[in-house]
Protein backbone atom coordinates (compact mmCIF):
# COMPACT_ATOMS: atom_id res chain seq x y z
CA MET A 1 178.08 52.95 0.42
CA SER A 2 179.02 52.23 -3.45
CA GLU A 3 179.00 55.14 -5.64
CA ASN A 4 175.66 53.63 -7.50
CA GLU A 5 174.08 53.80 -4.15
CA VAL A 6 174.93 57.36 -3.47
CA ARG A 7 173.75 58.68 -6.79
CA LYS A 8 170.38 56.91 -6.11
CA ASN A 9 169.71 59.08 -3.11
CA VAL A 10 170.77 62.10 -4.78
CA PRO A 11 167.82 63.99 -6.99
CA PHE A 12 167.91 63.81 -10.44
CA LEU A 13 166.34 67.29 -10.65
CA SER A 14 167.36 69.82 -8.14
CA VAL A 15 166.19 73.40 -8.45
CA LYS A 16 167.69 75.93 -5.28
CA ASP A 17 166.96 79.50 -4.79
CA LEU A 18 165.75 80.15 -8.55
CA VAL A 19 164.96 83.93 -9.22
CA VAL A 20 163.79 84.58 -12.76
CA GLU A 21 162.75 88.45 -13.91
CA TYR A 22 161.20 89.52 -17.17
CA LYS A 23 161.83 93.12 -18.04
CA SER A 24 158.77 94.83 -19.58
CA ASP A 25 158.25 98.36 -20.70
CA GLY A 26 161.01 99.29 -18.33
CA GLN A 27 159.50 97.19 -15.62
CA ILE A 28 160.84 94.17 -13.74
CA VAL A 29 158.45 91.49 -13.48
CA HIS A 30 159.30 89.25 -10.61
CA ALA A 31 157.95 85.95 -12.18
CA VAL A 32 160.10 83.67 -9.91
CA ASN A 33 161.14 84.34 -6.47
CA GLY A 34 163.75 81.79 -4.70
CA VAL A 35 162.35 78.41 -5.57
CA SER A 36 163.71 75.25 -4.60
CA LEU A 37 162.59 71.88 -5.35
CA SER A 38 163.75 68.75 -6.05
CA LEU A 39 162.63 65.52 -8.10
CA GLU A 40 164.02 61.59 -8.32
CA LYS A 41 164.12 59.29 -11.19
CA GLY A 42 160.76 57.87 -11.42
CA LYS A 43 158.79 60.11 -9.19
CA THR A 44 155.81 62.72 -10.06
CA LEU A 45 156.11 66.12 -8.45
CA GLY A 46 153.11 68.26 -8.70
CA LEU A 47 153.35 72.20 -9.37
CA VAL A 48 150.03 73.96 -8.09
CA GLY A 49 148.89 77.34 -8.41
CA GLU A 50 147.06 80.07 -10.22
CA THR A 51 147.65 81.37 -13.59
CA GLY A 52 150.55 83.78 -13.64
CA ALA A 53 152.32 82.07 -10.40
CA GLY A 54 155.37 81.02 -12.22
CA LYS A 55 155.21 77.44 -13.02
CA THR A 56 155.64 77.67 -16.70
CA THR A 57 158.62 79.82 -16.14
CA ILE A 58 160.16 77.12 -13.77
CA ALA A 59 159.65 74.45 -16.51
CA LYS A 60 161.34 76.55 -19.20
CA SER A 61 164.21 77.78 -16.90
CA ILE A 62 165.05 73.94 -16.60
CA LEU A 63 165.02 73.55 -20.30
CA ARG A 64 166.82 77.13 -20.90
CA ILE A 65 164.38 77.99 -23.25
CA LEU A 66 163.30 81.58 -21.58
CA PRO A 67 163.16 84.31 -24.24
CA ASP A 68 166.49 85.72 -25.10
CA VAL A 69 165.24 89.25 -24.85
CA GLY A 70 163.57 90.32 -21.61
CA ALA A 71 163.87 87.18 -19.44
CA LYS A 72 166.60 86.58 -17.02
CA ILE A 73 167.58 84.20 -14.22
CA ALA A 74 169.12 86.47 -11.81
CA LYS A 75 169.92 84.07 -8.97
CA GLY A 76 169.86 80.57 -8.22
CA SER A 77 171.02 76.91 -9.42
CA ILE A 78 169.38 74.31 -11.73
CA SER A 79 171.21 70.63 -11.89
CA LEU A 80 170.24 67.54 -13.44
CA ASP A 81 171.83 64.46 -12.82
CA GLY A 82 174.44 66.33 -10.56
CA LYS A 83 175.41 68.79 -13.77
CA ASP A 84 174.61 72.72 -13.26
CA VAL A 85 172.89 73.23 -16.57
CA LEU A 86 172.63 76.94 -16.11
CA ASN A 87 176.63 77.24 -16.86
CA LEU A 88 176.55 74.91 -19.65
CA PRO A 89 177.60 76.07 -23.18
CA GLU A 90 174.65 75.99 -25.51
CA ASN A 91 176.11 73.03 -27.60
CA GLU A 92 176.09 70.89 -24.50
CA MET A 93 172.45 72.14 -24.01
CA ARG A 94 171.06 70.86 -27.19
CA LYS A 95 172.23 67.42 -26.08
CA ILE A 96 170.01 67.45 -23.09
CA ARG A 97 167.16 68.98 -24.42
CA GLY A 98 164.57 66.39 -25.92
CA ASN A 99 167.13 63.47 -25.14
CA VAL A 100 167.69 63.97 -21.01
CA VAL A 101 164.82 66.26 -20.70
CA SER A 102 161.50 66.92 -22.53
CA MET A 103 158.48 69.19 -22.54
CA ILE A 104 154.85 68.65 -23.24
CA PHE A 105 153.49 72.20 -23.88
CA GLN A 106 150.08 73.59 -22.84
CA ASP A 107 148.51 74.20 -26.43
CA PRO A 108 148.83 71.34 -28.93
CA MET A 109 147.60 73.92 -31.46
CA THR A 110 150.61 75.90 -31.37
CA ALA A 111 153.08 73.07 -30.48
CA LEU A 112 152.72 71.75 -33.80
CA ASN A 113 153.99 72.94 -37.26
CA PRO A 114 150.79 73.15 -39.28
CA VAL A 115 152.47 72.69 -42.81
CA GLN A 116 154.65 69.81 -41.49
CA LYS A 117 153.48 66.15 -41.55
CA ILE A 118 153.54 64.82 -38.05
CA GLY A 119 155.42 62.11 -38.54
CA ASP A 120 158.32 64.15 -39.93
CA GLN A 121 157.92 66.68 -36.77
CA ILE A 122 158.27 63.28 -34.44
CA ALA A 123 161.31 62.01 -36.66
CA GLU A 124 163.11 65.48 -36.71
CA VAL A 125 163.06 65.14 -32.72
CA ILE A 126 164.74 61.95 -33.18
CA ARG A 127 167.18 62.87 -35.58
CA LEU A 128 168.38 66.00 -33.77
CA HIS A 129 168.43 64.48 -30.22
CA SER A 130 168.99 60.99 -30.46
CA ASP A 131 172.16 58.76 -31.00
CA GLU A 132 170.16 55.28 -30.06
CA TYR A 133 167.95 55.36 -33.38
CA THR A 134 169.25 55.54 -37.01
CA ASP A 135 165.83 54.69 -38.58
CA PHE A 136 164.13 57.73 -38.03
CA GLU A 137 160.86 57.21 -39.55
CA LYS A 138 160.69 53.88 -38.30
CA ARG A 139 161.10 55.01 -34.66
CA ALA A 140 158.67 57.88 -35.35
CA LYS A 141 156.05 55.48 -36.53
CA GLU A 142 156.57 53.30 -33.44
CA MET A 143 155.89 56.19 -31.02
CA LEU A 144 152.77 56.83 -33.03
CA GLU A 145 151.76 53.20 -32.30
CA ILE A 146 152.67 53.65 -28.58
CA VAL A 147 150.50 56.71 -28.26
CA GLY A 148 147.63 55.08 -29.79
CA ILE A 149 147.68 56.38 -33.31
CA PRO A 150 148.13 54.09 -36.28
CA ALA A 151 151.61 54.49 -37.92
CA GLU A 152 149.46 54.96 -41.23
CA ARG A 153 148.81 58.58 -40.30
CA TYR A 154 152.45 59.27 -40.37
CA SER A 155 152.15 61.39 -43.39
CA GLU A 156 148.95 63.43 -42.23
CA TYR A 157 149.18 67.28 -41.25
CA PRO A 158 147.93 68.66 -37.86
CA HIS A 159 144.89 70.06 -38.90
CA GLN A 160 143.67 66.26 -39.99
CA PHE A 161 143.63 65.39 -36.00
CA SER A 162 141.61 66.12 -33.22
CA GLY A 163 142.68 68.17 -29.93
CA GLY A 164 142.84 64.81 -28.06
CA MET A 165 144.93 63.12 -31.12
CA LYS A 166 147.26 66.54 -31.42
CA GLN A 167 148.27 65.99 -27.84
CA ARG A 168 149.01 62.54 -28.39
CA VAL A 169 151.53 63.47 -31.05
CA ILE A 170 152.98 66.03 -28.66
CA ILE A 171 153.73 63.29 -26.07
CA ALA A 172 155.19 60.93 -28.99
CA ILE A 173 157.52 63.74 -29.79
CA ALA A 174 158.53 64.52 -26.05
CA LEU A 175 158.99 60.88 -25.29
CA ALA A 176 160.39 59.74 -28.46
CA CYS A 177 164.19 59.89 -27.26
CA ASN A 178 163.24 58.37 -23.94
CA PRO A 179 163.99 61.32 -21.75
CA THR A 180 164.80 61.10 -18.22
CA LEU A 181 162.99 63.71 -16.91
CA LEU A 182 159.56 64.96 -18.48
CA LEU A 183 158.38 68.29 -17.92
CA ALA A 184 154.39 68.52 -18.79
CA ASP A 185 152.58 72.08 -18.76
CA GLU A 186 149.13 71.60 -17.95
CA PRO A 187 148.86 68.82 -20.81
CA THR A 188 145.11 68.42 -20.75
CA THR A 189 143.77 71.80 -20.26
CA ALA A 190 142.84 72.38 -24.02
CA LEU A 191 141.06 68.76 -23.80
CA ASP A 192 137.50 67.77 -23.06
CA VAL A 193 137.17 65.66 -19.65
CA THR A 194 136.57 62.45 -21.29
CA ILE A 195 139.85 63.00 -23.25
CA GLN A 196 141.78 64.69 -20.43
CA ALA A 197 141.58 61.44 -18.83
CA GLN A 198 142.75 59.27 -21.33
CA VAL A 199 145.79 61.49 -22.09
CA MET A 200 146.88 61.51 -18.49
CA ASP A 201 146.38 57.84 -18.21
CA LEU A 202 148.64 57.64 -21.16
CA ILE A 203 151.31 59.57 -19.64
CA VAL A 204 151.51 57.74 -16.47
CA ASP A 205 151.27 54.74 -18.51
CA LEU A 206 154.40 55.82 -20.66
CA GLN A 207 156.24 57.47 -17.39
CA LYS A 208 156.20 53.92 -15.88
CA LYS A 209 157.37 52.30 -18.80
CA TYR A 210 160.46 54.44 -19.20
CA GLU A 211 160.83 55.08 -15.33
CA THR A 212 160.77 58.75 -16.32
CA ALA A 213 160.72 61.59 -13.60
CA LEU A 214 157.91 63.69 -14.08
CA LEU A 215 157.22 67.44 -13.32
CA LEU A 216 153.36 68.04 -13.73
CA ILE A 217 152.03 71.82 -14.01
CA THR A 218 148.31 71.63 -13.46
CA HIS A 219 145.47 73.47 -11.70
CA ASP A 220 143.51 70.10 -11.48
CA MET A 221 143.93 68.94 -8.00
CA GLY A 222 142.03 65.45 -8.74
CA VAL A 223 144.85 64.89 -11.28
CA VAL A 224 147.37 65.64 -8.40
CA ALA A 225 145.54 63.39 -6.12
CA THR A 226 145.73 60.64 -8.82
CA VAL A 227 149.06 61.06 -10.32
CA CYS A 228 151.73 62.83 -8.34
CA ASP A 229 153.88 61.54 -5.36
CA ASP A 230 154.90 65.38 -4.07
CA VAL A 231 153.26 68.35 -4.24
CA ALA A 232 154.40 72.04 -4.40
CA VAL A 233 152.11 74.86 -4.18
CA ILE A 234 152.94 78.15 -6.04
CA TYR A 235 151.93 81.71 -5.46
CA ALA A 236 153.50 84.80 -6.52
CA GLY A 237 156.71 83.15 -7.86
CA ASN A 238 157.41 81.23 -4.60
CA ILE A 239 156.85 77.88 -3.29
CA VAL A 240 154.07 78.46 -0.17
CA GLU A 241 153.64 74.64 0.70
CA TYR A 242 155.66 71.71 -0.06
CA GLY A 243 155.42 67.98 1.15
CA THR A 244 154.36 64.82 0.01
CA LYS A 245 150.76 64.45 -1.48
CA GLU A 246 149.36 62.77 1.75
CA GLN A 247 150.66 65.35 3.78
CA ILE A 248 148.96 68.38 1.33
CA PHE A 249 145.77 66.62 1.17
CA ASP A 250 145.49 65.45 4.65
CA HIS A 251 146.95 68.80 6.36
CA PRO A 252 146.74 71.49 4.11
CA THR A 253 148.32 74.38 6.16
CA HIS A 254 149.18 77.36 4.32
CA PRO A 255 145.93 79.81 3.87
CA TYR A 256 146.43 79.76 0.30
CA THR A 257 146.47 76.03 -0.15
CA ILE A 258 143.25 75.87 2.35
CA GLY A 259 141.73 78.17 -0.25
CA LEU A 260 142.46 76.05 -3.12
CA PHE A 261 140.40 73.00 -1.44
CA GLY A 262 137.87 75.44 -0.60
CA ALA A 263 137.27 76.07 -4.18
CA ILE A 264 136.55 72.39 -4.91
CA PRO A 265 133.42 71.07 -4.70
CA ASP A 266 132.73 68.11 -2.27
CA MET A 267 130.23 65.69 -3.52
CA ASN A 268 129.60 64.43 0.00
CA GLU A 269 128.52 68.00 1.23
CA ASP A 270 125.22 69.67 0.87
CA GLU A 271 126.92 73.12 -0.62
CA ILE A 272 125.20 75.42 -2.84
CA TRP A 273 127.99 78.07 -3.25
CA LEU A 274 131.72 76.91 -3.50
CA HIS A 275 134.41 79.13 -1.22
CA PRO A 276 136.73 80.75 -3.75
CA ILE A 277 139.73 82.62 -2.46
CA GLU A 278 138.70 86.42 -2.49
CA GLY A 279 140.67 88.93 -4.55
CA LEU A 280 143.14 88.75 -7.17
CA PRO A 281 147.15 87.85 -7.32
CA PRO A 282 149.16 90.49 -7.02
CA ASP A 283 150.70 92.73 -9.51
CA PRO A 284 154.35 90.85 -10.37
CA THR A 285 155.79 94.06 -11.17
CA ASN A 286 155.04 95.39 -7.55
CA LEU A 287 154.75 92.57 -5.08
CA PRO A 288 153.64 93.32 -1.35
CA GLN A 289 156.03 93.50 1.39
CA GLY A 290 156.18 90.53 3.67
CA CYS A 291 153.95 87.46 2.43
CA ALA A 292 152.50 88.18 -1.19
CA PHE A 293 149.38 86.41 0.02
CA SER A 294 148.59 88.68 2.83
CA PRO A 295 146.30 91.23 1.09
CA ARG A 296 144.02 88.21 0.25
CA CYS A 297 144.56 86.26 3.65
CA LYS A 298 141.96 86.29 6.60
CA TYR A 299 144.55 85.19 8.99
CA ALA A 300 147.39 88.18 7.98
CA ALA A 301 148.83 89.91 10.88
CA ASP A 302 151.15 92.80 10.93
CA GLU A 303 154.42 90.50 11.02
CA CYS A 304 153.05 89.11 7.92
CA ARG A 305 153.71 92.04 6.12
CA LYS A 306 156.91 93.10 7.23
CA GLU A 307 159.95 90.68 6.19
CA PRO A 308 159.96 87.98 3.90
CA ILE A 309 158.47 84.97 5.34
CA SER A 310 160.81 81.99 6.24
CA VAL A 311 159.72 78.09 5.86
CA TYR A 312 158.58 76.52 8.85
CA LYS A 313 157.81 72.78 9.31
CA THR A 314 154.37 71.67 10.27
CA PRO A 315 153.24 69.28 12.71
CA ASP A 316 153.51 66.11 10.10
CA GLY A 317 157.04 67.43 8.81
CA HIS A 318 156.38 69.31 5.38
CA ASP A 319 157.22 72.59 4.78
CA CYS A 320 155.09 75.90 4.94
CA ARG A 321 156.01 79.35 4.35
CA CYS A 322 153.69 80.98 6.67
CA CYS A 323 154.59 82.48 10.40
CA ARG A 324 150.87 81.86 11.43
CA ILE A 325 150.85 78.17 11.20
CA ASN A 326 150.11 77.56 14.77
CA GLU A 327 147.08 80.17 14.79
CA ILE A 328 145.75 78.51 11.73
CA SER A 329 145.74 75.32 12.85
CA THR A 330 143.72 76.41 16.12
CA GLN A 331 141.29 78.15 14.15
CA GLU A 332 140.67 75.49 11.45
CA ASP A 333 140.45 72.57 13.96
C-alpha cells in the first residue's frame, strides 16, 4: 500500500481522551471529560447535546483558542493530519488557524467588528492566513459573491446587514482561505427558520465544493439528519453515544439519546404533549459519581452510580457509554 493510500485511511482530525477544565471562583469546572472522536476529509460529524455539554469547548480546544486565564487542557491529544496541535508553538498554530482549520461562531452579531467594513474583515483574514492570494480585496469580493452577497457591498458595515446576511459574511470569512476543516458552532441558532435552511444549504454546498471536513455543533436533530455522516451525542462533557447517522437515528440506545428523540414532535403521531427529559444537567463543578446521567435516567441501577462507565458496543456496532444497554433494548422493544 502506498503512502498516499495509507494517509487516506487516517482521519484528518483525531481527538483522543480530551479533558478540559476551567477554574472559576476557586472551583474546577469539568467541561470536557475524556472525549475521543475522529473526522475524515469531506465528511461531517455532528456534535449533539444540551447547552453546557462541552461542545463549544471541544471546538475551541481544536483551534487552541480557549481563554488564557482559567482554562486548561488537562489531558489528551488533538492531531490534524497527523500533527499534534497541542504541542505546537503559537507561531505555528497561527498558520493553522484560518488556513487549515476555521470556525463559524454561533452569534454573527458578536463575531464581526461593528466599526470595520465587512470586506476589510474578510480581506484581513486572507492577508494574515493565506499564501495563495495576493490581491486580498479581489478575493474578499469573490467570497462575498460565493455566499450570495453582491461584491458592491464590500464597503458596508455590519449594522447594514440582516442577521442572515451577517452569518453569510461569517461563512465567507471562515472559508476565505479554503480550510480543510470547518468548525461550525450552532451556525443557525440566531436566525429564523427560513434563513436557517438557506444558511445550512450554503454551508453544505461550499463544503462539497471545497471538500472540507465539517464538525457541526447543533441542537437540531433535523439538521443532523440532513447534513451529517456521523453523530456524537454529548452529555456532561463526555460522548455517551457515537456512530453513523443511520445507527443513531434507527437504533438510539443510550437513555439520553432516547430522551432527545422523545422531545422531538412526530408529525405521524397524534400526540398532545412532548416527552422531555426530566431534571437538569448536573453541576459541572460537582459531577455525580459513575454515570453523569444517572440522576435523570429511569433505567439507572446501583452499578450506574459507582464507577465511571465504559463504552459498550451495541448490536449494530456503534458505541454507547451505558452498562444497561441490554435491559434498555429489552424494555424499549
